[in-house]
Amino acid sequence: MADLRINLAGIESPNPFWLASAPPTNSGYQVQRAFDAGWGGAVWKTLGDPILNVTSRFGAVSFNGQRVAGFNNIELISDRPLEVNLKEIKETKKLFPNHTIIASLMVEPKQEKWHEIVKRVEEVGVDGLELNFGCPHGMAERGMGSASGQVPSLVEQQTYWVKEVAQTPVIVKLTPNITDITATAEAATRGGADAISMINTINSLAGVDLDTWNTIPHVGGKGAHGGYCGPAVKPIALNMVAECARSPHINIPISGIGGISTWQDAVEYMLMGASGVQVCTAAMHHGFRIVEDMIEGLDNYLEQKGIVSVMDIVGKTVPKYSDWGDLDLNYKIVARINNDICINCNKCHIACEDTSHQCIDMLKDGNGYNILKVREEDCVGCNLCSIVCPVDGAIEMVEVPSGLPPMTWNERQAALGAVSCKVDSVK
């Protein structure tokens, strides 16, 4: 086997797969079951002052036959007494000393509150702390969660307060409900965070029941916005991880969260800069045993690539992630249709004709059969035809030489500016 062990800000774990702070990590019973199944770590469901939860709590979005493409919840932090949680954390760590237990914490933005809970939690032997500045519902209305996480100065200040007393690494969990997540990531860095985790859930409403007109979910006919997660949020989360990973002002490890359901998802996150990943919705959908496939798939992938340690893939794609202005305007690809396997559903033709660049022609071959052919001189390489095609390999996007040297938008503008200056000087 490849070496699947990770080290995230000094926190060691037998593999990169952690359960995120959520319903699956609400008790010692659950976390112990998860460790038995193979999870490398767990972020305990957020601890704080006792709260009350409501029923019902969850909603889901299914799409095109896929159940739970997105998941919405209005559940708050742990509603069990802090003393009970601490007792179970201590027992679980004793039973599984080599597995990672992170305590997720949320309290009012007061220095003494943070100092008190940090000291109490560290006494039971956790491996690290995760500060929940991301919860978008319930707690935000009380000045906690994303209410703090959307204000960089509050993120920095509270991180600093925790670091004043913390003896274990501190991870700051960031809210995606903000214009630029790098602003709060930088604030966490300034506050002394050892790592950041992202993303927490996105403000959302799962839907409306067309018969009763109630929101989904609803509590006695009343609804409220919740937090959205699951496969649907992965592209959003992956971008935010990438933006933080490539920022020169955020030089701390990242724990990636958001729609991770397979080992392939985990590899994408790690390539984009995450040192490890956290999973919630997939475990709620399929149970803890999904980690077995994740571990096996990741191990096989690394072996096929000839990679000894999973840590060797962290951040390898980050240098390839840039701004639009740095892309080569002279790079060219075109679509080519393999009519030997094309099933003539014409979806590519319809998509191109109606919504793209009208460059796929419907022709007849020598035997009078319908075929589709791309006019490559008019193709802009948008990928739409290959995206809508239901047959793998029927449409290939092929790189063609443009005969021109690479030229970015920024370089083009600089060159135009230089020409303009020369013209002005001549005048």
Protein backbone atom coordinates (compact mmCIF):
# COMPACT_ATOMS: atom_id res chain seq x y z
CA MET A 1 0.00 0.00 0.00
CA ALA A 2 0.97 3.60 -0.53
CA ASP A 3 1.50 5.71 2.57
CA LEU A 4 -1.90 7.33 3.21
CA ARG A 5 -0.84 9.08 6.40
CA ILE A 6 -1.19 12.85 6.46
CA ASN A 7 0.15 15.65 8.59
CA LEU A 8 -2.05 18.73 8.71
CA ALA A 9 -0.47 21.53 10.74
CA GLY A 10 1.16 18.98 13.02
CA ILE A 11 -1.99 16.87 13.32
CA GLU A 12 -1.17 13.33 12.22
CA SER A 13 -3.80 10.98 10.85
CA PRO A 14 -3.70 7.43 9.43
CA ASN A 15 -5.42 8.58 6.24
CA PRO A 16 -6.80 11.83 4.79
CA PHE A 17 -10.47 10.92 5.27
CA TRP A 18 -12.11 12.67 8.21
CA LEU A 19 -15.76 12.99 9.10
CA ALA A 20 -16.80 16.63 9.20
CA SER A 21 -18.42 18.24 12.21
CA ALA A 22 -22.06 17.30 11.64
CA PRO A 23 -24.74 14.77 12.65
CA PRO A 24 -22.42 11.77 11.95
CA THR A 25 -20.04 12.93 14.72
CA ASN A 26 -22.64 13.74 17.36
CA SER A 27 -21.62 11.03 19.85
CA GLY A 28 -18.88 8.70 20.93
CA TYR A 29 -20.88 5.75 19.65
CA GLN A 30 -20.95 7.18 16.15
CA VAL A 31 -17.31 8.26 16.04
CA GLN A 32 -16.17 4.88 17.33
CA ARG A 33 -18.23 3.14 14.64
CA ALA A 34 -16.63 5.42 12.07
CA PHE A 35 -13.11 4.62 13.26
CA ASP A 36 -13.92 0.91 13.17
CA ALA A 37 -15.00 1.39 9.54
CA GLY A 38 -11.67 3.01 8.64
CA TRP A 39 -12.07 6.78 8.90
CA GLY A 40 -8.78 8.41 9.79
CA GLY A 41 -10.29 11.18 11.86
CA ALA A 42 -13.43 12.96 12.97
CA VAL A 43 -14.29 16.54 13.78
CA TRP A 44 -16.69 16.24 16.72
CA LYS A 45 -20.05 17.93 16.24
CA THR A 46 -19.71 21.55 17.32
CA LEU A 47 -19.58 22.12 21.07
CA GLY A 48 -20.82 25.23 22.83
CA ASP A 49 -23.52 26.42 25.16
CA PRO A 50 -26.49 24.02 25.25
CA ILE A 51 -29.09 24.78 22.60
CA LEU A 52 -32.43 23.40 21.47
CA ASN A 53 -33.02 21.92 18.03
CA VAL A 54 -36.25 21.70 16.07
CA THR A 55 -37.98 19.03 13.99
CA SER A 56 -37.99 18.60 11.07
CA ARG A 57 -34.39 19.49 10.17
CA PHE A 58 -33.28 18.12 6.81
CA GLY A 59 -34.21 18.57 3.19
CA ALA A 60 -32.62 17.28 0.01
CA VAL A 61 -32.47 18.12 -3.67
CA SER A 62 -32.60 15.21 -6.11
CA PHE A 63 -31.72 15.73 -9.75
CA ASN A 64 -32.27 13.58 -12.81
CA GLY A 65 -32.75 10.43 -10.75
CA GLN A 66 -29.85 11.05 -8.37
CA ARG A 67 -30.97 11.13 -4.78
CA VAL A 68 -29.40 13.75 -2.49
CA ALA A 69 -27.54 15.68 -5.17
CA GLY A 70 -27.75 18.47 -2.62
CA PHE A 71 -28.54 18.43 1.09
CA ASN A 72 -30.04 21.16 3.26
CA ASN A 73 -30.23 21.28 7.03
CA ILE A 74 -31.41 23.63 9.75
CA GLU A 75 -29.87 21.64 12.60
CA LEU A 76 -27.74 23.58 15.06
CA ILE A 77 -24.66 22.62 17.07
CA SER A 78 -24.65 19.76 19.57
CA ASP A 79 -27.71 19.85 21.83
CA ARG A 80 -26.10 17.46 24.30
CA PRO A 81 -24.46 18.76 27.50
CA LEU A 82 -20.80 19.70 27.13
CA GLU A 83 -19.86 17.40 30.01
CA VAL A 84 -21.34 14.39 28.19
CA ASN A 85 -19.50 15.22 24.97
CA LEU A 86 -16.19 15.69 26.78
CA LYS A 87 -16.58 12.37 28.56
CA GLU A 88 -17.22 10.57 25.28
CA ILE A 89 -14.35 12.33 23.51
CA LYS A 90 -11.98 11.15 26.23
CA GLU A 91 -13.30 7.59 26.04
CA THR A 92 -13.08 7.52 22.23
CA LYS A 93 -9.53 8.85 22.19
CA LYS A 94 -8.51 6.19 24.71
CA LEU A 95 -10.00 3.46 22.52
CA PHE A 96 -8.53 4.88 19.30
CA PRO A 97 -5.27 6.63 20.24
CA ASN A 98 -3.94 6.66 16.67
CA HIS A 99 -7.04 8.23 15.14
CA THR A 100 -7.57 11.96 14.92
CA ILE A 101 -10.19 13.72 17.01
CA ILE A 102 -10.74 17.42 16.42
CA ALA A 103 -13.12 19.40 18.61
CA SER A 104 -15.31 21.88 16.75
CA LEU A 105 -16.11 24.88 18.91
CA MET A 106 -18.52 27.80 18.78
CA VAL A 107 -19.19 30.38 21.47
CA GLU A 108 -20.03 34.04 21.70
CA PRO A 109 -17.31 36.42 20.48
CA LYS A 110 -15.96 36.99 23.98
CA GLN A 111 -12.38 36.30 25.03
CA GLU A 112 -13.26 34.65 28.34
CA LYS A 113 -15.77 32.32 26.62
CA TRP A 114 -13.15 31.10 24.16
CA HIS A 115 -10.51 30.66 26.85
CA GLU A 116 -12.86 28.64 29.02
CA ILE A 117 -14.05 26.18 26.37
CA VAL A 118 -10.60 25.69 24.84
CA LYS A 119 -9.09 24.73 28.19
CA ARG A 120 -11.93 22.33 29.02
CA VAL A 121 -11.81 20.60 25.66
CA GLU A 122 -8.03 20.21 25.53
CA GLU A 123 -8.06 18.56 28.95
CA VAL A 124 -9.74 15.46 27.46
CA GLY A 125 -7.02 14.88 24.89
CA VAL A 126 -8.21 16.18 21.53
CA ASP A 127 -5.65 16.42 18.72
CA GLY A 128 -6.75 19.87 17.59
CA LEU A 129 -9.46 22.49 17.55
CA GLU A 130 -11.71 23.70 14.74
CA LEU A 131 -13.32 27.09 15.23
CA ASN A 132 -16.76 27.11 13.63
CA PHE A 133 -17.09 30.50 11.95
CA GLY A 134 -19.29 29.10 9.22
CA CYS A 135 -22.70 27.89 10.42
CA PRO A 136 -25.19 30.03 8.43
CA HIS A 137 -28.37 29.42 10.42
CA GLY A 138 -29.59 29.57 13.98
CA MET A 139 -26.30 30.49 15.57
CA ALA A 140 -25.66 33.35 13.14
CA GLU A 141 -28.81 34.98 14.47
CA ARG A 142 -27.10 34.94 17.87
CA GLY A 143 -23.91 36.60 16.66
CA MET A 144 -21.97 33.36 16.19
CA GLY A 145 -21.12 31.13 13.24
CA SER A 146 -21.17 32.94 9.90
CA ALA A 147 -22.16 36.20 11.64
CA SER A 148 -18.58 36.22 12.92
CA GLY A 149 -17.15 34.40 9.93
CA GLN A 150 -18.26 37.10 7.49
CA VAL A 151 -16.29 39.79 9.33
CA PRO A 152 -12.52 39.46 8.87
CA SER A 153 -11.72 41.50 11.99
CA LEU A 154 -13.85 39.15 14.14
CA VAL A 155 -12.24 36.09 12.59
CA GLU A 156 -8.78 37.48 13.33
CA GLN A 157 -9.64 38.58 16.87
CA GLN A 158 -11.30 35.34 17.95
CA THR A 159 -8.56 33.22 16.40
CA TYR A 160 -6.05 35.26 18.37
CA TRP A 161 -8.00 34.73 21.60
CA VAL A 162 -7.99 30.97 21.05
CA LYS A 163 -4.29 30.92 20.24
CA GLU A 164 -3.60 32.73 23.53
CA VAL A 165 -4.43 29.55 25.44
CA ALA A 166 -4.54 26.68 22.93
CA GLN A 167 -1.95 23.92 23.31
CA THR A 168 -3.06 22.02 20.19
CA PRO A 169 -3.24 23.16 16.54
CA VAL A 170 -6.08 25.52 15.68
CA ILE A 171 -8.08 25.14 12.46
CA VAL A 172 -10.43 27.95 11.44
CA LYS A 173 -13.51 26.80 9.52
CA LEU A 174 -14.60 29.40 6.98
CA THR A 175 -18.02 30.35 5.68
CA PRO A 176 -18.63 30.44 1.92
CA ASN A 177 -21.35 33.04 2.43
CA ILE A 178 -19.01 35.88 1.61
CA THR A 179 -17.82 37.66 -1.50
CA ASP A 180 -14.15 36.68 -1.19
CA ILE A 181 -13.18 33.82 1.10
CA THR A 182 -9.50 34.76 0.91
CA ALA A 183 -10.28 37.86 2.99
CA THR A 184 -11.34 35.80 5.99
CA ALA A 185 -8.66 33.18 5.31
CA GLU A 186 -6.04 35.93 5.51
CA ALA A 187 -7.66 37.21 8.70
CA ALA A 188 -7.41 33.73 10.24
CA THR A 189 -3.77 33.61 9.22
CA ARG A 190 -3.08 36.96 10.85
CA GLY A 191 -4.82 35.71 14.00
CA GLY A 192 -2.36 32.84 14.21
CA ALA A 193 -4.42 29.95 12.81
CA ASP A 194 -2.42 26.80 12.16
CA ALA A 195 -4.77 25.73 9.35
CA ILE A 196 -8.07 26.59 7.71
CA SER A 197 -10.96 24.35 6.67
CA MET A 198 -13.55 25.08 4.01
CA ILE A 199 -16.27 25.25 3.11
CA ASN A 200 -19.02 25.30 5.64
CA THR A 201 -22.56 25.15 4.29
CA ILE A 202 -24.12 27.65 1.89
CA ASN A 203 -27.26 29.66 2.68
CA SER A 204 -30.12 27.85 1.01
CA LEU A 205 -33.77 26.85 0.79
CA ALA A 206 -34.21 23.27 -0.42
CA GLY A 207 -37.59 23.86 -2.04
CA VAL A 208 -41.30 24.50 -1.70
CA ASP A 209 -44.03 21.85 -1.55
CA LEU A 210 -46.39 22.64 -4.44
CA ASP A 211 -49.39 21.07 -2.68
CA THR A 212 -49.11 22.60 0.80
CA TRP A 213 -46.96 25.62 -0.14
CA ASN A 214 -44.79 24.87 2.86
CA THR A 215 -41.05 25.25 2.65
CA ILE A 216 -38.87 22.12 2.64
CA PRO A 217 -38.23 21.40 5.44
CA HIS A 218 -40.81 23.18 7.55
CA VAL A 219 -41.49 23.33 11.27
CA GLY A 220 -45.21 23.52 11.89
CA GLY A 221 -45.76 25.44 8.67
CA LYS A 222 -42.84 27.82 9.11
CA GLY A 223 -39.50 27.58 7.33
CA ALA A 224 -36.08 29.18 7.55
CA HIS A 225 -32.94 29.21 5.44
CA GLY A 226 -30.53 26.37 6.08
CA GLY A 227 -27.08 25.20 5.12
CA TYR A 228 -26.51 23.55 1.72
CA CYS A 229 -23.94 20.81 1.14
CA GLY A 230 -23.48 17.60 -0.81
CA PRO A 231 -22.23 16.91 -4.37
CA ALA A 232 -23.90 20.04 -5.73
CA VAL A 233 -21.56 22.37 -3.82
CA LYS A 234 -18.30 20.68 -4.80
CA PRO A 235 -17.36 23.06 -7.67
CA ILE A 236 -17.94 26.06 -5.42
CA ALA A 237 -15.91 24.60 -2.59
CA LEU A 238 -13.10 23.42 -4.86
CA ASN A 239 -12.68 26.92 -6.26
CA MET A 240 -12.52 28.44 -2.78
CA VAL A 241 -9.88 25.92 -1.72
CA ALA A 242 -7.90 26.72 -4.87
CA GLU A 243 -8.12 30.48 -4.33
CA CYS A 244 -6.76 30.14 -0.81
CA ALA A 245 -4.11 27.62 -1.83
CA ARG A 246 -2.67 29.94 -4.49
CA SER A 247 -2.75 33.08 -2.37
CA PRO A 248 0.73 34.20 -1.28
CA HIS A 249 -0.82 35.62 1.90
CA ILE A 250 -2.29 32.31 3.10
CA ASN A 251 0.59 29.98 3.79
CA ILE A 252 -1.12 27.51 6.11
CA PRO A 253 -2.54 24.03 5.43
CA ILE A 254 -6.11 23.51 4.22
CA SER A 255 -8.67 20.89 5.19
CA GLY A 256 -11.02 20.54 2.21
CA ILE A 257 -14.78 20.19 2.67
CA GLY A 258 -17.71 20.22 0.27
CA GLY A 259 -19.41 17.49 -1.73
CA ILE A 260 -16.70 14.87 -1.33
CA SER A 261 -18.26 11.49 -2.06
CA THR A 262 -15.50 9.42 -3.68
CA TRP A 263 -11.75 8.95 -3.64
CA GLN A 264 -11.63 10.87 -6.92
CA ASP A 265 -13.18 13.89 -5.21
CA ALA A 266 -10.58 13.66 -2.46
CA VAL A 267 -7.73 13.54 -4.98
CA GLU A 268 -9.07 16.66 -6.72
CA TYR A 269 -9.16 18.55 -3.42
CA MET A 270 -5.65 17.47 -2.50
CA LEU A 271 -4.29 18.37 -5.94
CA MET A 272 -5.85 21.80 -5.43
CA GLY A 273 -4.05 22.30 -2.13
CA ALA A 274 -5.91 20.45 0.63
CA SER A 275 -3.78 18.34 2.96
CA GLY A 276 -6.80 16.27 3.90
CA VAL A 277 -10.57 16.18 3.41
CA GLN A 278 -13.71 16.09 5.49
CA VAL A 279 -16.89 14.24 4.51
CA CYS A 280 -20.45 14.56 5.76
CA THR A 281 -23.31 14.20 3.25
CA ALA A 282 -21.93 11.09 1.56
CA ALA A 283 -21.66 9.34 4.93
CA MET A 284 -25.21 10.36 5.81
CA HIS A 285 -26.41 9.04 2.46
CA HIS A 286 -24.51 5.76 2.32
CA GLY A 287 -23.16 5.06 5.82
CA PHE A 288 -19.67 4.92 7.28
CA ARG A 289 -18.51 1.97 5.16
CA ILE A 290 -18.09 4.17 2.09
CA VAL A 291 -14.64 4.99 3.45
CA GLU A 292 -13.49 1.49 2.51
CA ASP A 293 -13.91 2.28 -1.19
CA MET A 294 -12.29 5.67 -0.67
CA ILE A 295 -9.20 4.14 0.93
CA GLU A 296 -8.91 1.36 -1.63
CA GLY A 297 -9.43 3.71 -4.57
CA LEU A 298 -6.90 6.23 -3.32
CA ASP A 299 -4.33 3.53 -2.65
CA ASN A 300 -4.77 2.05 -6.14
CA TYR A 301 -4.54 5.48 -7.73
CA LEU A 302 -1.29 6.33 -5.99
CA GLU A 303 0.16 2.93 -6.84
CA GLN A 304 -0.74 3.33 -10.52
CA LYS A 305 0.88 6.76 -10.54
CA GLY A 306 3.98 5.47 -8.79
CA ILE A 307 3.44 7.87 -5.89
CA VAL A 308 4.74 6.69 -2.51
CA SER A 309 2.94 9.10 -0.17
CA VAL A 310 -0.43 10.79 -0.52
CA MET A 311 1.15 14.00 0.78
CA ASP A 312 3.16 14.12 -2.43
CA ILE A 313 0.08 15.11 -4.44
CA VAL A 314 -0.91 18.05 -2.24
CA GLY A 315 -1.04 21.25 -4.28
CA LYS A 316 0.29 19.83 -7.54
CA THR A 317 -2.43 21.51 -9.60
CA VAL A 318 -2.26 24.86 -7.81
CA PRO A 319 0.41 26.34 -10.18
CA LYS A 320 -1.94 25.57 -13.07
CA TYR A 321 -4.79 27.62 -11.55
CA SER A 322 -4.63 31.27 -12.51
CA ASP A 323 -6.69 34.25 -13.60
CA TRP A 324 -8.53 34.60 -16.91
CA GLY A 325 -6.13 37.31 -18.00
CA ASP A 326 -3.24 34.85 -17.85
CA LEU A 327 -4.79 32.34 -20.28
CA ASP A 328 -3.35 31.85 -23.79
CA LEU A 329 -5.65 33.53 -26.32
CA ASN A 330 -3.95 31.65 -29.15
CA TYR A 331 -4.52 28.17 -27.75
CA LYS A 332 -7.05 26.34 -29.92
CA ILE A 333 -9.07 23.14 -29.66
CA VAL A 334 -11.87 21.91 -31.91
CA ALA A 335 -14.50 19.20 -31.69
CA ARG A 336 -14.23 16.05 -33.82
CA ILE A 337 -17.06 13.54 -34.10
CA ASN A 338 -16.39 9.82 -34.40
CA ASN A 339 -19.28 8.69 -36.58
CA ASP A 340 -18.37 5.04 -36.03
CA ILE A 341 -19.76 5.25 -32.51
CA CYS A 342 -22.08 8.23 -32.85
CA ILE A 343 -25.71 7.15 -32.27
CA ASN A 344 -27.16 10.10 -34.23
CA CYS A 345 -29.17 11.44 -31.32
CA ASN A 346 -28.31 14.91 -32.70
CA LYS A 347 -28.01 16.44 -29.23
CA CYS A 348 -24.68 18.00 -30.20
CA HIS A 349 -26.17 19.53 -33.36
CA ILE A 350 -29.16 20.93 -31.49
CA ALA A 351 -27.01 22.37 -28.68
CA CYS A 352 -24.57 23.93 -31.12
CA GLU A 353 -27.25 25.22 -33.49
CA ASP A 354 -29.50 26.70 -30.81
CA THR A 355 -27.11 27.87 -28.11
CA SER A 356 -23.55 27.94 -29.39
CA HIS A 357 -21.79 28.66 -32.71
CA GLN A 358 -23.68 26.75 -35.43
CA CYS A 359 -20.67 24.77 -36.63
CA ILE A 360 -21.99 21.18 -36.72
CA ASP A 361 -23.44 20.15 -40.08
CA MET A 362 -25.86 17.28 -40.76
CA LEU A 363 -24.61 15.49 -43.88
CA LYS A 364 -24.97 12.22 -45.78
CA ASP A 365 -22.13 9.75 -46.15
CA GLY A 366 -21.39 7.75 -49.31
CA ASN A 367 -24.09 5.23 -48.42
CA GLY A 368 -26.75 7.82 -47.76
CA TYR A 369 -26.57 7.58 -43.98
CA ASN A 370 -26.85 10.65 -41.79
CA ILE A 371 -23.59 11.82 -40.28
CA LEU A 372 -22.52 14.85 -38.29
CA LYS A 373 -19.41 16.83 -39.09
CA VAL A 374 -17.81 19.82 -37.39
CA ARG A 375 -16.68 22.78 -39.48
CA GLU A 376 -13.42 23.18 -37.63
CA GLU A 377 -12.71 26.64 -39.03
CA ASP A 378 -15.83 27.91 -37.24
CA CYS A 379 -15.50 25.84 -34.06
CA VAL A 380 -14.49 27.88 -31.00
CA GLY A 381 -13.73 24.85 -28.84
CA CYS A 382 -16.41 25.63 -26.25
CA ASN A 383 -16.82 21.91 -25.29
CA LEU A 384 -20.63 22.10 -25.27
CA CYS A 385 -21.14 19.32 -27.82
CA SER A 386 -18.90 16.92 -25.92
CA ILE A 387 -20.64 17.79 -22.68
CA VAL A 388 -24.15 17.00 -23.93
CA CYS A 389 -23.11 13.91 -25.90
CA PRO A 390 -24.40 10.75 -24.16
CA VAL A 391 -21.76 8.45 -25.68
CA ASP A 392 -18.24 8.43 -24.24
CA GLY A 393 -15.66 8.96 -26.95
CA ALA A 394 -18.10 9.99 -29.68
CA ILE A 395 -16.87 13.58 -29.58
CA GLU A 396 -13.25 14.42 -28.85
CA MET A 397 -11.85 17.86 -28.19
CA VAL A 398 -8.59 18.02 -30.15
CA GLU A 399 -5.80 20.56 -29.84
CA VAL A 400 -4.86 22.09 -33.18
CA PRO A 401 -1.85 24.33 -33.86
CA SER A 402 -2.80 27.96 -34.27
CA GLY A 403 0.55 28.92 -35.78
CA LEU A 404 0.76 31.82 -33.35
CA PRO A 405 2.92 32.26 -30.26
CA PRO A 406 1.23 32.20 -26.84
CA MET A 407 -0.45 35.49 -26.03
CA THR A 408 -2.40 36.32 -22.88
CA TRP A 409 -4.91 39.11 -22.49
CA ASN A 410 -2.55 40.91 -20.15
CA GLU A 411 0.30 40.62 -22.66
CA ARG A 412 -1.98 41.80 -25.45
CA GLN A 413 -3.05 44.86 -23.49
CA ALA A 414 0.55 45.63 -22.58
CA ALA A 415 1.56 45.36 -26.25
CA LEU A 416 -1.32 47.60 -27.35
CA GLY A 417 -0.32 50.09 -24.69
CA ALA A 418 3.27 50.11 -25.93
CA VAL A 419 2.10 50.70 -29.51
CA SER A 420 -0.17 53.51 -28.35
CA CYS A 421 2.72 55.15 -26.52
CA LYS A 422 4.90 54.96 -29.64
CA VAL A 423 2.17 56.56 -31.74
CA ASP A 424 1.72 59.34 -29.22
CA SER A 425 5.46 59.99 -29.10
CA VAL A 426 5.61 60.23 -32.91
CA LYS A 427 2.79 62.73 -32.88
